[in-house]
Amino acid sequence: IYNAFDVGRLLRFVNVDTRQYRDGVVDPSDVE
């Protein structure tokens, strides 16, 4: 679903997927 498009030279929209490809959950206390 990620994609990008331009509105002339005024705007570029970059739309991303932060769920499907992310690494798994880690314990917040595991700083390393």
All heavy atoms as atom14 arrays in JSON, in Angstrom:
{
  "sequence": "IYNAFDVGRLLRFVNVDTRQYRDGVVDPSDVE",
  "atom14_mask": [
    [1, 1, 1, 1, 1, 1, 1, 1, 0, 0, 0, 0, 0, 0],
    [1, 1, 1, 1, 1, 1, 1, 1, 1, 1, 1, 1, 0, 0],
    [1, 1, 1, 1, 1, 1, 1, 1, 0, 0, 0, 0, 0, 0],
    [1, 1, 1, 1, 1, 0, 0, 0, 0, 0, 0, 0, 0, 0],
    [1, 1, 1, 1, 1, 1, 1, 1, 1, 1, 1, 0, 0, 0],
    [1, 1, 1, 1, 1, 1, 1, 1, 0, 0, 0, 0, 0, 0],
    [1, 1, 1, 1, 1, 1, 1, 0, 0, 0, 0, 0, 0, 0],
    [1, 1, 1, 1, 0, 0, 0, 0, 0, 0, 0, 0, 0, 0],
    [1, 1, 1, 1, 1, 1, 1, 1, 1, 1, 1, 0, 0, 0],
    [1, 1, 1, 1, 1, 1, 1, 1, 0, 0, 0, 0, 0, 0],
    [1, 1, 1, 1, 1, 1, 1, 1, 0, 0, 0, 0, 0, 0],
    [1, 1, 1, 1, 1, 1, 1, 1, 1, 1, 1, 0, 0, 0],
    [1, 1, 1, 1, 1, 1, 1, 1, 1, 1, 1, 0, 0, 0],
    [1, 1, 1, 1, 1, 1, 1, 0, 0, 0, 0, 0, 0, 0],
    [1, 1, 1, 1, 1, 1, 1, 1, 0, 0, 0, 0, 0, 0],
    [1, 1, 1, 1, 1, 1, 1, 0, 0, 0, 0, 0, 0, 0],
    [1, 1, 1, 1, 1, 1, 1, 1, 0, 0, 0, 0, 0, 0],
    [1, 1, 1, 1, 1, 1, 1, 0, 0, 0, 0, 0, 0, 0],
    [1, 1, 1, 1, 1, 1, 1, 1, 1, 1, 1, 0, 0, 0],
    [1, 1, 1, 1, 1, 1, 1, 1, 1, 0, 0, 0, 0, 0],
    [1, 1, 1, 1, 1, 1, 1, 1, 1, 1, 1, 1, 0, 0],
    [1, 1, 1, 1, 1, 1, 1, 1, 1, 1, 1, 0, 0, 0],
    [1, 1, 1, 1, 1, 1, 1, 1, 0, 0, 0, 0, 0, 0],
    [1, 1, 1, 1, 0, 0, 0, 0, 0, 0, 0, 0, 0, 0],
    [1, 1, 1, 1, 1, 1, 1, 0, 0, 0, 0, 0, 0, 0],
    [1, 1, 1, 1, 1, 1, 1, 0, 0, 0, 0, 0, 0, 0],
    [1, 1, 1, 1, 1, 1, 1, 1, 0, 0, 0, 0, 0, 0],
    [1, 1, 1, 1, 1, 1, 1, 0, 0, 0, 0, 0, 0, 0],
    [1, 1, 1, 1, 1, 1, 0, 0, 0, 0, 0, 0, 0, 0],
    [1, 1, 1, 1, 1, 1, 1, 1, 0, 0, 0, 0, 0, 0],
    [1, 1, 1, 1, 1, 1, 1, 0, 0, 0, 0, 0, 0, 0],
    [1, 1, 1, 1, 1, 1, 1, 1, 1, 0, 0, 0, 0, 0]
  ],
  "atom14_positions": [
    [[0.82, -1.22, 0.0], [0.0, 0.0, 0.0], [0.85, 1.26, 0.0], [0.31, 2.36, -0.18], [-0.97, 0.03, 1.2], [-0.21, 0.1, 2.53], [-1.93, -1.15, 1.17], [-1.06, 0.5, 3.71], [0.0, 0.0, 0.0], [0.0, 0.0, 0.0], [0.0, 0.0, 0.0], [0.0, 0.0, 0.0], [0.0, 0.0, 0.0], [0.0, 0.0, 0.0]],
    [[2.16, 1.15, 0.21], [2.97, 2.37, 0.22], [3.14, 2.89, -1.2], [3.26, 2.13, -2.16], [4.3, 2.17, 0.94], [5.29, 1.2, 0.34], [6.18, 1.6, -0.66], [5.38, -0.11, 0.8], [7.11, 0.74, -1.19], [6.32, -0.99, 0.28], [7.18, -0.57, -0.71], [8.1, -1.44, -1.24], [0.0, 0.0, 0.0], [0.0, 0.0, 0.0]],
    [[3.11, 4.22, -1.33], [3.16, 4.86, -2.63], [3.51, 6.33, -2.47], [3.53, 6.84, -1.33], [1.82, 4.71, -3.36], [0.69, 5.38, -2.61], [0.49, 6.59, -2.71], [-0.07, 4.6, -1.84], [0.0, 0.0, 0.0], [0.0, 0.0, 0.0], [0.0, 0.0, 0.0], [0.0, 0.0, 0.0], [0.0, 0.0, 0.0], [0.0, 0.0, 0.0]],
    [[3.75, 7.01, -3.55], [4.06, 8.45, -3.52], [3.46, 9.11, -4.74], [3.3, 8.49, -5.8], [5.57, 8.68, -3.47], [0.0, 0.0, 0.0], [0.0, 0.0, 0.0], [0.0, 0.0, 0.0], [0.0, 0.0, 0.0], [0.0, 0.0, 0.0], [0.0, 0.0, 0.0], [0.0, 0.0, 0.0], [0.0, 0.0, 0.0], [0.0, 0.0, 0.0]],
    [[3.12, 10.4, -4.61], [2.64, 11.16, -5.76], [2.89, 12.64, -5.51], [3.05, 13.09, -4.37], [1.15, 10.9, -6.02], [0.22, 11.29, -4.91], [-0.34, 12.56, -4.86], [-0.09, 10.39, -3.9], [-1.19, 12.94, -3.83], [-0.95, 10.75, -2.87], [-1.51, 12.03, -2.84], [0.0, 0.0, 0.0], [0.0, 0.0, 0.0], [0.0, 0.0, 0.0]],
    [[2.92, 13.4, -6.59], [3.18, 14.84, -6.54], [1.94, 15.64, -6.9], [1.11, 15.21, -7.71], [4.3, 15.22, -7.51], [5.64, 14.62, -7.12], [5.82, 14.24, -5.95], [6.51, 14.51, -8.01], [0.0, 0.0, 0.0], [0.0, 0.0, 0.0], [0.0, 0.0, 0.0], [0.0, 0.0, 0.0], [0.0, 0.0, 0.0], [0.0, 0.0, 0.0]],
    [[1.82, 16.79, -6.28], [0.83, 17.8, -6.67], [1.62, 18.95, -7.27], [2.07, 19.86, -6.58], [-0.01, 18.26, -5.47], [-1.01, 19.34, -5.92], [-0.75, 17.08, -4.85], [0.0, 0.0, 0.0], [0.0, 0.0, 0.0], [0.0, 0.0, 0.0], [0.0, 0.0, 0.0], [0.0, 0.0, 0.0], [0.0, 0.0, 0.0], [0.0, 0.0, 0.0]],
    [[1.86, 18.85, -8.58], [2.71, 19.82, -9.26], [4.08, 19.89, -8.59], [4.62, 18.88, -8.14], [0.0, 0.0, 0.0], [0.0, 0.0, 0.0], [0.0, 0.0, 0.0], [0.0, 0.0, 0.0], [0.0, 0.0, 0.0], [0.0, 0.0, 0.0], [0.0, 0.0, 0.0], [0.0, 0.0, 0.0], [0.0, 0.0, 0.0], [0.0, 0.0, 0.0]],
    [[4.62, 21.1, -8.53], [5.89, 21.31, -7.82], [5.68, 21.79, -6.4], [6.63, 22.1, -5.7], [6.74, 22.33, -8.59], [7.18, 21.84, -9.97], [8.24, 22.75, -10.57], [7.73, 24.1, -10.82], [7.14, 24.49, -11.94], [6.94, 23.61, -12.91], [6.72, 25.73, -12.11], [0.0, 0.0, 0.0], [0.0, 0.0, 0.0], [0.0, 0.0, 0.0]],
    [[4.39, 21.82, -5.96], [4.09, 22.32, -4.62], [4.27, 21.25, -3.55], [4.84, 21.53, -2.49], [2.65, 22.85, -4.58], [2.2, 23.46, -3.25], [2.99, 24.71, -2.92], [0.7, 23.76, -3.29], [0.0, 0.0, 0.0], [0.0, 0.0, 0.0], [0.0, 0.0, 0.0], [0.0, 0.0, 0.0], [0.0, 0.0, 0.0], [0.0, 0.0, 0.0]],
    [[3.8, 20.03, -3.81], [3.75, 19.0, -2.77], [4.17, 17.64, -3.31], [3.84, 17.27, -4.44], [2.31, 18.86, -2.25], [1.78, 19.93, -1.3], [0.27, 20.01, -1.42], [2.16, 19.59, 0.14], [0.0, 0.0, 0.0], [0.0, 0.0, 0.0], [0.0, 0.0, 0.0], [0.0, 0.0, 0.0], [0.0, 0.0, 0.0], [0.0, 0.0, 0.0]],
    [[4.89, 16.91, -2.48], [5.07, 15.48, -2.69], [4.54, 14.77, -1.46], [4.91, 15.09, -0.32], [6.52, 15.09, -2.93], [6.75, 13.56, -2.89], [8.07, 13.13, -3.49], [8.06, 13.29, -4.94], [9.07, 12.91, -5.73], [10.15, 12.33, -5.21], [8.99, 13.09, -7.04], [0.0, 0.0, 0.0], [0.0, 0.0, 0.0], [0.0, 0.0, 0.0]],
    [[3.67, 13.79, -1.67], [3.14, 12.95, -0.59], [3.79, 11.57, -0.67], [3.76, 10.92, -1.72], [1.63, 12.82, -0.71], [0.87, 14.09, -0.45], [0.35, 14.83, -1.5], [0.69, 14.56, 0.85], [-0.36, 16.01, -1.26], [-0.01, 15.73, 1.09], [-0.53, 16.46, 0.05], [0.0, 0.0, 0.0], [0.0, 0.0, 0.0], [0.0, 0.0, 0.0]],
    [[4.37, 11.15, 0.44], [5.0, 9.83, 0.55], [4.22, 9.07, 1.63], [4.26, 9.44, 2.81], [6.49, 9.94, 0.92], [7.12, 8.56, 1.01], [7.23, 10.81, -0.1], [0.0, 0.0, 0.0], [0.0, 0.0, 0.0], [0.0, 0.0, 0.0], [0.0, 0.0, 0.0], [0.0, 0.0, 0.0], [0.0, 0.0, 0.0], [0.0, 0.0, 0.0]],
    [[3.5, 8.04, 1.22], [2.57, 7.34, 2.11], [3.14, 5.97, 2.46], [3.39, 5.15, 1.57], [1.22, 7.18, 1.41], [0.76, 8.48, 0.77], [0.57, 9.48, 1.44], [0.61, 8.48, -0.55], [0.0, 0.0, 0.0], [0.0, 0.0, 0.0], [0.0, 0.0, 0.0], [0.0, 0.0, 0.0], [0.0, 0.0, 0.0], [0.0, 0.0, 0.0]],
    [[3.35, 5.7, 3.75], [4.07, 4.49, 4.15], [3.21, 3.55, 4.99], [2.17, 3.93, 5.53], [5.36, 4.85, 4.92], [6.32, 5.63, 4.04], [5.06, 5.61, 6.21], [0.0, 0.0, 0.0], [0.0, 0.0, 0.0], [0.0, 0.0, 0.0], [0.0, 0.0, 0.0], [0.0, 0.0, 0.0], [0.0, 0.0, 0.0], [0.0, 0.0, 0.0]],
    [[3.68, 2.31, 5.07], [3.04, 1.22, 5.81], [3.94, 0.89, 7.0], [5.03, 0.35, 6.83], [2.89, 0.02, 4.88], [2.39, -1.25, 5.57], [2.19, -1.24, 6.79], [2.22, -2.26, 4.86], [0.0, 0.0, 0.0], [0.0, 0.0, 0.0], [0.0, 0.0, 0.0], [0.0, 0.0, 0.0], [0.0, 0.0, 0.0], [0.0, 0.0, 0.0]],
    [[3.5, 1.23, 8.21], [4.33, 1.01, 9.39], [4.01, -0.3, 10.11], [4.5, -0.53, 11.22], [4.18, 2.17, 10.4], [2.83, 2.2, 10.89], [4.54, 3.5, 9.79], [0.0, 0.0, 0.0], [0.0, 0.0, 0.0], [0.0, 0.0, 0.0], [0.0, 0.0, 0.0], [0.0, 0.0, 0.0], [0.0, 0.0, 0.0], [0.0, 0.0, 0.0]],
    [[3.21, -1.19, 9.53], [2.79, -2.43, 10.2], [3.35, -3.7, 9.55], [3.89, -4.55, 10.23], [1.26, -2.52, 10.23], [0.62, -1.6, 11.21], [0.89, -2.01, 12.65], [0.6, -0.91, 13.56], [0.84, -0.95, 14.85], [1.4, -2.01, 15.4], [0.57, 0.1, 15.61], [0.0, 0.0, 0.0], [0.0, 0.0, 0.0], [0.0, 0.0, 0.0]],
    [[3.19, -3.82, 8.25], [3.43, -5.09, 7.58], [4.89, -5.52, 7.63], [5.18, -6.72, 7.72], [2.95, -4.99, 6.13], [3.11, -6.26, 5.33], [2.53, -6.12, 3.94], [2.51, -7.09, 3.18], [2.05, -4.94, 3.57], [0.0, 0.0, 0.0], [0.0, 0.0, 0.0], [0.0, 0.0, 0.0], [0.0, 0.0, 0.0], [0.0, 0.0, 0.0]],
    [[5.81, -4.56, 7.59], [7.22, -4.89, 7.43], [8.05, -4.61, 8.69], [9.25, -4.87, 8.69], [7.81, -4.09, 6.26], [6.98, -4.13, 5.01], [6.23, -3.01, 4.62], [6.89, -5.28, 4.24], [5.45, -3.03, 3.47], [6.12, -5.31, 3.09], [5.4, -4.19, 2.71], [4.61, -4.22, 1.57], [0.0, 0.0, 0.0], [0.0, 0.0, 0.0]],
    [[7.43, -4.1, 9.73], [8.2, -3.71, 10.91], [8.78, -4.93, 11.64], [8.23, -6.03, 11.6], [7.36, -2.87, 11.88], [6.2, -3.61, 12.51], [5.67, -2.91, 13.77], [5.11, -1.6, 13.54], [4.7, -0.79, 14.51], [4.78, -1.19, 15.78], [4.18, 0.39, 14.24], [0.0, 0.0, 0.0], [0.0, 0.0, 0.0], [0.0, 0.0, 0.0]],
    [[9.89, -4.69, 12.34], [10.46, -5.72, 13.19], [9.55, -5.96, 14.39], [8.75, -5.09, 14.76], [11.86, -5.32, 13.66], [12.87, -5.37, 12.52], [12.82, -6.34, 11.74], [13.7, -4.45, 12.42], [0.0, 0.0, 0.0], [0.0, 0.0, 0.0], [0.0, 0.0, 0.0], [0.0, 0.0, 0.0], [0.0, 0.0, 0.0], [0.0, 0.0, 0.0]],
    [[9.7, -7.11, 15.03], [8.84, -7.49, 16.13], [9.02, -6.65, 17.37], [9.98, -5.88, 17.51], [0.0, 0.0, 0.0], [0.0, 0.0, 0.0], [0.0, 0.0, 0.0], [0.0, 0.0, 0.0], [0.0, 0.0, 0.0], [0.0, 0.0, 0.0], [0.0, 0.0, 0.0], [0.0, 0.0, 0.0], [0.0, 0.0, 0.0], [0.0, 0.0, 0.0]],
    [[8.11, -6.82, 18.3], [8.12, -6.06, 19.55], [9.28, -6.52, 20.43], [9.59, -7.71, 20.5], [6.78, -6.27, 20.3], [6.81, -5.62, 21.67], [5.63, -5.71, 19.48], [0.0, 0.0, 0.0], [0.0, 0.0, 0.0], [0.0, 0.0, 0.0], [0.0, 0.0, 0.0], [0.0, 0.0, 0.0], [0.0, 0.0, 0.0], [0.0, 0.0, 0.0]],
    [[9.94, -5.57, 21.09], [10.99, -5.88, 22.06], [10.63, -5.25, 23.4], [9.87, -4.28, 23.48], [12.38, -5.39, 21.6], [12.78, -6.03, 20.29], [12.4, -3.87, 21.47], [0.0, 0.0, 0.0], [0.0, 0.0, 0.0], [0.0, 0.0, 0.0], [0.0, 0.0, 0.0], [0.0, 0.0, 0.0], [0.0, 0.0, 0.0], [0.0, 0.0, 0.0]],
    [[11.18, -5.81, 24.44], [10.97, -5.27, 25.78], [11.65, -3.91, 25.87], [12.84, -3.78, 25.56], [11.58, -6.23, 26.82], [11.22, -5.86, 28.25], [11.17, -4.64, 28.55], [11.0, -6.78, 29.06], [0.0, 0.0, 0.0], [0.0, 0.0, 0.0], [0.0, 0.0, 0.0], [0.0, 0.0, 0.0], [0.0, 0.0, 0.0], [0.0, 0.0, 0.0]],
    [[10.92, -2.85, 26.28], [11.53, -1.52, 26.34], [12.73, -1.43, 27.29], [13.54, -0.51, 27.18], [10.38, -0.61, 26.8], [9.37, -1.52, 27.39], [9.5, -2.82, 26.66], [0.0, 0.0, 0.0], [0.0, 0.0, 0.0], [0.0, 0.0, 0.0], [0.0, 0.0, 0.0], [0.0, 0.0, 0.0], [0.0, 0.0, 0.0], [0.0, 0.0, 0.0]],
    [[12.83, -2.37, 28.23], [13.98, -2.37, 29.15], [15.24, -2.93, 28.5], [16.34, -2.75, 29.02], [13.65, -3.17, 30.41], [13.45, -4.54, 30.1], [0.0, 0.0, 0.0], [0.0, 0.0, 0.0], [0.0, 0.0, 0.0], [0.0, 0.0, 0.0], [0.0, 0.0, 0.0], [0.0, 0.0, 0.0], [0.0, 0.0, 0.0], [0.0, 0.0, 0.0]],
    [[15.08, -3.6, 27.35], [16.23, -4.14, 26.62], [16.76, -3.06, 25.69], [16.45, -3.02, 24.5], [15.81, -5.39, 25.84], [16.99, -6.14, 25.25], [18.09, -5.56, 25.18], [16.8, -7.3, 24.83], [0.0, 0.0, 0.0], [0.0, 0.0, 0.0], [0.0, 0.0, 0.0], [0.0, 0.0, 0.0], [0.0, 0.0, 0.0], [0.0, 0.0, 0.0]],
    [[17.56, -2.17, 26.24], [18.02, -0.98, 25.52], [18.86, -1.37, 24.3], [18.75, -0.75, 23.23], [18.82, -0.06, 26.46], [19.36, 1.14, 25.7], [17.95, 0.39, 27.63], [0.0, 0.0, 0.0], [0.0, 0.0, 0.0], [0.0, 0.0, 0.0], [0.0, 0.0, 0.0], [0.0, 0.0, 0.0], [0.0, 0.0, 0.0], [0.0, 0.0, 0.0]],
    [[19.66, -2.4, 24.44], [20.51, -2.82, 23.33], [19.68, -3.29, 22.14], [19.93, -2.88, 21.0], [21.44, -3.95, 23.78], [22.39, -4.41, 22.68], [23.32, -5.52, 23.15], [23.33, -5.83, 24.35], [24.06, -6.07, 22.29], [0.0, 0.0, 0.0], [0.0, 0.0, 0.0], [0.0, 0.0, 0.0], [0.0, 0.0, 0.0], [0.0, 0.0, 0.0]]
  ]
}
